[in-house]
Amino acid sequence: MMDELVCFGVTDRGLKRENNQDAFFIGRLSKSILVGANSLDLTVDSRLFGEIRGYLMLVADGMGGHAGGAKASRMAIDFLIDRLLNNVHWFLRFSPEAEADFVKSLQALLVETHHQIQAEGRRDQSVSGMGTTLTMTYTVWPNLYVLHAGDSRCYLIRDGYVEQLTNDHTMARRLVEAGGIHPKDAVNSRWSNVLWNVLGGKSQEEIQAEVRQVKLHPGDRLMLCTDGLHRYVDNDVILKTFDDCESSEEACRRFIRIANDAGGEDNITVIVAQFADDFSRQGEDPQRQVDVRPTDALLPATDVSLPATDRPSR
């Protein structure tokens, strides 16, 4: 499929987990009108759509037991989408002042989502302490906004280079930054499983909503993924996979296979987005589709209590 943006997402249970606590979402933003009574031969209750104004992608990695983790990741995405649709001015032509307000609204939105998940955990003791990572991108060409908490990741691939656009909110990363451990030792450190910043959980500290803004170039690629993938790949593997694959779909499925071939210890979720070399929103066809095909139907969940900010051993 040819498009200004080709996007594909896959989630997989992995080889060791009984269910899938990851979640993801891909969507296009456009203005619409719900048709009412009219004399124009338009079907009542049908919709008229304007041009695509932006692209939204989210990945979330739940924790806190089978039932809690699955519920937290899906609740985070559901709540964010609802608030984004009804409270955020997505279609604003940004001025510096408006952009600053937009970033603040994203941060406030993540804090609100955090409080909602904590409140649900207090209401339903079977999912007490549940939490989730959340990495979200919003693209209104050429501006990319990344909203993030936890250790899922967003990568930018450009001109043969890979840049991680998010920080891992783990204790291992804090130790690296403090000089306590070498960066190469962080992946295998026992502290790599401990998150200090997630949505929900039992911590009484306020969540820190990380936001990053990037100017995109034609031909750029984005990859969002949970730690079930990125623990097994470095920048060289990411570049080689993109070089070897002819489509976003092929790249996603190759990444899933790489993670499972390396052990598949965790759930695996990946989204790949490719901007065309001549990308321009002008003349974009609003009927073109973004392809989203989960590979793993989510299994019924049962609760096993785990600390919300301590992942199972890998």
Protein backbone atom coordinates (compact mmCIF):
# COMPACT_ATOMS: atom_id res chain seq x y z
CA MET A 1 0.00 0.00 0.00
CA MET A 2 1.38 3.42 -1.00
CA ASP A 3 0.71 6.32 1.33
CA GLU A 4 2.34 9.45 2.72
CA LEU A 5 2.49 7.50 5.98
CA VAL A 6 2.49 3.70 6.13
CA CYS A 7 2.02 2.42 9.67
CA PHE A 8 1.73 -1.09 11.05
CA GLY A 9 1.41 -2.49 14.57
CA VAL A 10 1.76 -5.98 16.04
CA THR A 11 1.42 -7.40 19.53
CA ASP A 12 2.47 -10.92 20.53
CA ARG A 13 2.20 -12.85 23.78
CA GLY A 14 5.78 -14.11 23.58
CA LEU A 15 6.86 -17.60 24.57
CA LYS A 16 6.78 -17.55 28.38
CA ARG A 17 3.77 -15.50 29.47
CA GLU A 18 0.27 -16.93 29.83
CA ASN A 19 -1.45 -13.78 28.63
CA ASN A 20 -0.69 -10.49 26.92
CA GLN A 21 -0.64 -7.37 29.13
CA ASP A 22 0.62 -5.08 26.36
CA ALA A 23 -1.72 -2.86 24.36
CA PHE A 24 -1.33 -0.56 21.38
CA PHE A 25 -3.34 1.84 19.25
CA ILE A 26 -2.87 3.58 15.89
CA GLY A 27 -5.24 6.23 14.60
CA ARG A 28 -5.68 9.16 12.25
CA LEU A 29 -7.20 12.44 13.39
CA SER A 30 -9.61 14.32 11.18
CA LYS A 31 -12.59 16.60 11.64
CA SER A 32 -15.98 15.06 10.98
CA ILE A 33 -19.67 16.02 10.79
CA LEU A 34 -22.51 13.70 11.77
CA VAL A 35 -25.18 14.20 9.12
CA GLY A 36 -28.64 15.20 10.31
CA ALA A 37 -31.82 15.96 8.39
CA ASN A 38 -30.96 17.49 5.02
CA SER A 39 -32.16 18.08 1.45
CA LEU A 40 -28.87 17.00 -0.15
CA ASP A 41 -29.46 13.26 -0.50
CA LEU A 42 -27.03 12.61 2.35
CA THR A 43 -27.81 9.65 4.57
CA VAL A 44 -28.91 10.70 8.06
CA ASP A 45 -26.47 9.58 10.77
CA SER A 46 -23.66 9.06 8.25
CA ARG A 47 -20.41 11.00 8.66
CA LEU A 48 -18.54 13.43 6.46
CA PHE A 49 -14.78 13.51 7.06
CA GLY A 50 -12.26 16.25 6.45
CA GLU A 51 -8.63 15.74 5.54
CA ILE A 52 -6.30 13.89 7.89
CA ARG A 53 -4.82 16.39 10.33
CA GLY A 54 -2.61 14.18 12.47
CA TYR A 55 -1.51 10.66 13.41
CA LEU A 56 -1.64 9.06 16.85
CA MET A 57 0.28 6.00 18.06
CA LEU A 58 0.43 4.51 21.56
CA VAL A 59 2.02 1.50 23.24
CA ALA A 60 1.50 0.44 26.86
CA ASP A 61 3.01 -2.36 28.94
CA GLY A 62 0.89 -3.31 31.95
CA MET A 63 2.10 -4.68 35.27
CA GLY A 64 0.60 -5.74 38.57
CA GLY A 65 -0.54 -9.30 37.96
CA HIS A 66 -2.35 -10.89 35.05
CA ALA A 67 -5.65 -9.08 35.54
CA GLY A 68 -4.11 -5.84 36.77
CA GLY A 69 -1.52 -5.43 34.04
CA ALA A 70 -3.93 -6.12 31.20
CA LYS A 71 -6.54 -3.80 32.68
CA ALA A 72 -4.08 -0.97 33.36
CA SER A 73 -2.61 -0.86 29.85
CA ARG A 74 -6.00 -0.89 28.16
CA MET A 75 -7.49 1.58 30.63
CA ALA A 76 -4.64 4.01 30.00
CA ILE A 77 -5.15 3.96 26.24
CA ASP A 78 -8.96 4.09 26.46
CA PHE A 79 -8.88 7.03 28.87
CA LEU A 80 -6.26 8.93 26.87
CA ILE A 81 -8.17 8.55 23.62
CA ASP A 82 -11.39 9.75 25.24
CA ARG A 83 -9.70 12.81 26.74
CA LEU A 84 -7.74 13.55 23.59
CA LEU A 85 -10.90 13.55 21.49
CA ASN A 86 -12.92 15.67 23.88
CA ASN A 87 -10.48 18.02 25.60
CA VAL A 88 -7.39 18.72 23.50
CA HIS A 89 -7.29 21.17 20.57
CA TRP A 90 -5.55 18.86 18.11
CA PHE A 91 -6.10 20.95 15.02
CA LEU A 92 -4.55 24.19 16.23
CA ARG A 93 -2.04 25.88 13.93
CA PHE A 94 0.78 26.15 16.40
CA SER A 95 2.33 29.39 17.54
CA PRO A 96 5.10 29.21 20.18
CA GLU A 97 2.57 30.17 22.87
CA ALA A 98 -0.02 27.69 21.68
CA GLU A 99 2.59 24.94 21.45
CA ALA A 100 3.65 25.54 25.05
CA ASP A 101 0.03 25.26 26.15
CA PHE A 102 -0.36 22.10 24.07
CA VAL A 103 2.63 20.46 25.77
CA LYS A 104 1.25 21.39 29.19
CA SER A 105 -2.10 19.87 28.25
CA LEU A 106 -0.35 16.60 27.28
CA GLN A 107 1.47 16.49 30.61
CA ALA A 108 -1.73 17.23 32.53
CA LEU A 109 -3.48 14.50 30.57
CA LEU A 110 -0.91 11.90 31.59
CA VAL A 111 -1.20 12.95 35.24
CA GLU A 112 -5.00 12.61 35.02
CA THR A 113 -4.65 9.14 33.49
CA HIS A 114 -2.27 8.17 36.31
CA HIS A 115 -4.84 9.24 38.92
CA GLN A 116 -7.65 7.35 37.17
CA ILE A 117 -5.68 4.09 37.20
CA GLN A 118 -4.77 4.51 40.86
CA ALA A 119 -8.40 5.24 41.74
CA GLU A 120 -9.55 2.09 39.93
CA GLY A 121 -6.95 0.06 41.82
CA ARG A 122 -8.29 1.38 45.12
CA ARG A 123 -11.88 0.66 44.06
CA ASP A 124 -11.19 -2.89 42.86
CA GLN A 125 -8.88 -4.73 45.24
CA SER A 126 -8.35 -7.55 42.73
CA VAL A 127 -6.23 -5.14 40.67
CA SER A 128 -4.80 -3.10 43.54
CA GLY A 129 -1.46 -1.56 42.62
CA MET A 130 -1.85 -2.12 38.88
CA GLY A 131 0.21 0.14 36.64
CA THR A 132 1.43 0.58 33.10
CA THR A 133 4.05 2.24 30.99
CA LEU A 134 2.80 4.57 28.26
CA THR A 135 4.56 5.91 25.18
CA MET A 136 2.49 8.04 22.81
CA THR A 137 3.34 9.95 19.66
CA TYR A 138 1.25 12.62 17.99
CA THR A 139 2.33 13.80 14.53
CA VAL A 140 1.05 16.91 12.80
CA TRP A 141 3.55 17.34 10.00
CA PRO A 142 6.37 18.16 10.49
CA ASN A 143 5.97 18.22 14.28
CA LEU A 144 6.29 15.07 16.35
CA TYR A 145 5.31 15.10 20.02
CA VAL A 146 6.31 12.18 22.25
CA LEU A 147 4.56 11.71 25.61
CA HIS A 148 6.15 9.10 27.85
CA ALA A 149 6.34 7.39 31.23
CA GLY A 150 8.05 4.06 31.96
CA ASP A 151 10.46 1.97 29.89
CA SER A 152 8.65 1.40 26.62
CA ARG A 153 10.50 3.29 23.89
CA CYS A 154 10.18 5.48 20.83
CA TYR A 155 13.00 5.47 18.26
CA LEU A 156 13.64 7.79 15.32
CA ILE A 157 15.45 6.22 12.36
CA ARG A 158 16.94 8.74 9.93
CA ASP A 159 19.72 8.57 7.33
CA GLY A 160 21.22 5.35 8.71
CA TYR A 161 21.14 6.46 12.35
CA VAL A 162 18.93 5.45 15.27
CA GLU A 163 18.02 7.85 18.08
CA GLN A 164 16.09 6.82 21.18
CA LEU A 165 13.64 9.67 21.81
CA THR A 166 12.52 8.48 25.26
CA ASN A 167 14.33 7.87 28.53
CA ASP A 168 13.99 4.60 30.44
CA HIS A 169 12.45 5.40 33.81
CA THR A 170 14.20 2.52 35.58
CA MET A 171 16.39 2.44 38.67
CA ALA A 172 19.16 0.94 36.52
CA ARG A 173 19.14 4.01 34.30
CA ARG A 174 19.28 6.26 37.35
CA LEU A 175 22.31 4.34 38.57
CA VAL A 176 23.99 4.77 35.18
CA GLU A 177 23.33 8.51 35.25
CA ALA A 178 24.74 8.69 38.78
CA GLY A 179 27.85 6.75 37.78
CA GLY A 180 26.93 3.77 39.94
CA ILE A 181 27.02 1.19 37.14
CA HIS A 182 28.40 1.05 33.61
CA PRO A 183 25.84 1.54 30.80
CA LYS A 184 26.65 -1.91 29.39
CA ASP A 185 25.73 -3.49 32.73
CA ALA A 186 22.34 -1.78 32.98
CA VAL A 187 20.45 -4.31 30.83
CA ASN A 188 21.39 -7.26 33.06
CA SER A 189 21.16 -5.36 36.33
CA ARG A 190 18.48 -6.45 38.82
CA TRP A 191 17.47 -2.78 38.86
CA SER A 192 16.52 -2.88 35.17
CA ASN A 193 13.22 -4.47 36.27
CA VAL A 194 12.33 -1.71 38.71
CA LEU A 195 10.45 1.32 37.38
CA TRP A 196 10.30 4.55 39.34
CA ASN A 197 7.84 6.30 37.03
CA VAL A 198 4.67 4.56 35.76
CA LEU A 199 0.97 5.30 35.40
CA GLY A 200 -0.87 3.88 38.40
CA GLY A 201 1.02 1.76 40.87
CA LYS A 202 1.18 2.29 44.63
CA SER A 203 3.65 5.15 44.77
CA GLN A 204 2.42 8.34 46.43
CA GLU A 205 4.74 10.46 44.31
CA GLU A 206 3.31 12.33 41.34
CA ILE A 207 4.08 10.92 37.94
CA GLN A 208 6.63 12.74 35.78
CA ALA A 209 5.25 13.25 32.28
CA GLU A 210 8.13 13.33 29.81
CA VAL A 211 7.42 15.27 26.59
CA ARG A 212 9.74 15.68 23.62
CA GLN A 213 9.19 17.62 20.40
CA VAL A 214 11.04 16.74 17.17
CA LYS A 215 10.93 18.17 13.64
CA LEU A 216 10.45 15.29 11.22
CA HIS A 217 12.04 14.94 7.78
CA PRO A 218 10.62 13.17 4.72
CA GLY A 219 11.75 9.54 4.75
CA ASP A 220 11.94 9.33 8.56
CA ARG A 221 10.86 6.15 10.33
CA LEU A 222 9.46 5.80 13.85
CA MET A 223 9.42 2.68 15.99
CA LEU A 224 7.49 2.36 19.26
CA CYS A 225 7.94 -0.80 21.30
CA THR A 226 7.71 -2.36 24.73
CA ASP A 227 10.69 -3.78 26.59
CA GLY A 228 9.74 -7.26 25.38
CA LEU A 229 11.43 -6.19 22.14
CA HIS A 230 14.03 -3.56 22.95
CA ARG A 231 15.88 -5.74 25.46
CA TYR A 232 16.85 -7.95 22.51
CA VAL A 233 17.81 -5.35 19.91
CA ASP A 234 20.47 -2.67 19.65
CA ASN A 235 20.78 0.10 17.08
CA ASP A 236 22.64 -2.12 14.63
CA VAL A 237 19.91 -4.78 14.73
CA ILE A 238 17.23 -2.11 14.28
CA LEU A 239 18.98 -0.65 11.23
CA LYS A 240 19.64 -4.06 9.67
CA THR A 241 16.01 -5.07 10.13
CA PHE A 242 14.78 -1.94 8.39
CA ASP A 243 17.32 -2.37 5.62
CA ASP A 244 16.26 -5.99 5.06
CA CYS A 245 12.50 -5.37 5.11
CA GLU A 246 10.49 -3.82 2.32
CA SER A 247 7.46 -2.72 4.34
CA SER A 248 6.37 -1.63 7.81
CA GLU A 249 4.43 -4.88 8.16
CA GLU A 250 7.46 -7.01 7.30
CA ALA A 251 9.63 -5.06 9.74
CA CYS A 252 7.11 -5.50 12.58
CA ARG A 253 6.82 -9.22 12.03
CA ARG A 254 10.61 -9.56 11.77
CA PHE A 255 11.03 -7.78 15.12
CA ILE A 256 8.52 -10.13 16.76
CA ARG A 257 10.45 -13.11 15.41
CA ILE A 258 13.78 -11.68 16.65
CA ALA A 259 12.39 -11.30 20.18
CA ASN A 260 10.87 -14.78 20.23
CA ASP A 261 14.01 -16.37 18.77
CA ALA A 262 15.97 -14.74 21.60
CA GLY A 263 13.71 -16.29 24.23
CA GLY A 264 10.42 -14.36 24.12
CA GLU A 265 10.50 -13.86 27.88
CA ASP A 266 7.88 -11.08 27.85
CA ASN A 267 4.98 -9.81 25.79
CA ILE A 268 6.19 -8.06 22.64
CA THR A 269 4.61 -5.04 20.98
CA VAL A 270 5.97 -2.92 18.14
CA ILE A 271 4.65 -0.16 15.87
CA VAL A 272 6.58 0.96 12.78
CA ALA A 273 5.73 4.14 10.86
CA GLN A 274 7.35 5.15 7.57
CA PHE A 275 6.99 8.68 6.17
CA ALA A 276 7.28 8.90 2.40
CA ASP A 277 10.36 10.56 0.92
CA ASP A 278 8.10 13.25 -0.55
CA PHE A 279 5.76 13.45 2.43
CA SER A 280 3.42 16.44 2.40
CA ARG A 281 0.04 16.80 3.99
CA GLN A 282 -1.07 18.83 0.99
CA GLY A 283 -3.17 16.66 -1.32
CA GLU A 284 -3.37 13.83 1.18
CA ASP A 285 -6.18 11.39 0.44
CA PRO A 286 -8.43 11.11 3.55
CA GLN A 287 -9.68 7.70 2.40
CA ARG A 288 -6.30 6.01 2.65
CA GLN A 289 -6.06 3.48 5.41
CA VAL A 290 -3.57 2.86 8.20
CA ASP A 291 -3.00 -0.89 8.55
CA VAL A 292 -3.30 -2.31 12.08
CA ARG A 293 -3.41 -6.06 12.66
CA PRO A 294 -2.74 -7.50 16.14
CA THR A 295 -1.37 -11.02 15.83
CA ASP A 296 -2.36 -12.26 19.26
CA ALA A 297 -5.90 -12.25 20.60
CA LEU A 298 -5.77 -11.32 24.28
CA LEU A 299 -6.44 -14.26 26.58
CA PRO A 300 -8.73 -14.16 29.63
CA ALA A 301 -6.80 -12.72 32.57
CA THR A 302 -6.47 -14.01 36.11
CA ASP A 303 -5.01 -12.00 38.96
CA VAL A 304 -1.62 -12.64 40.51
CA SER A 305 -0.57 -9.81 42.82
CA LEU A 306 2.80 -8.26 42.07
CA PRO A 307 4.27 -4.92 43.14
CA ALA A 308 3.22 -2.46 40.45
CA THR A 309 6.68 -1.03 39.92
CA ASP A 310 8.63 -4.29 40.03
CA ARG A 311 8.57 -6.35 36.86
CA PRO A 312 8.85 -10.14 36.98
CA SER A 313 12.33 -11.56 36.68
CA ARG A 314 13.56 -11.91 33.13
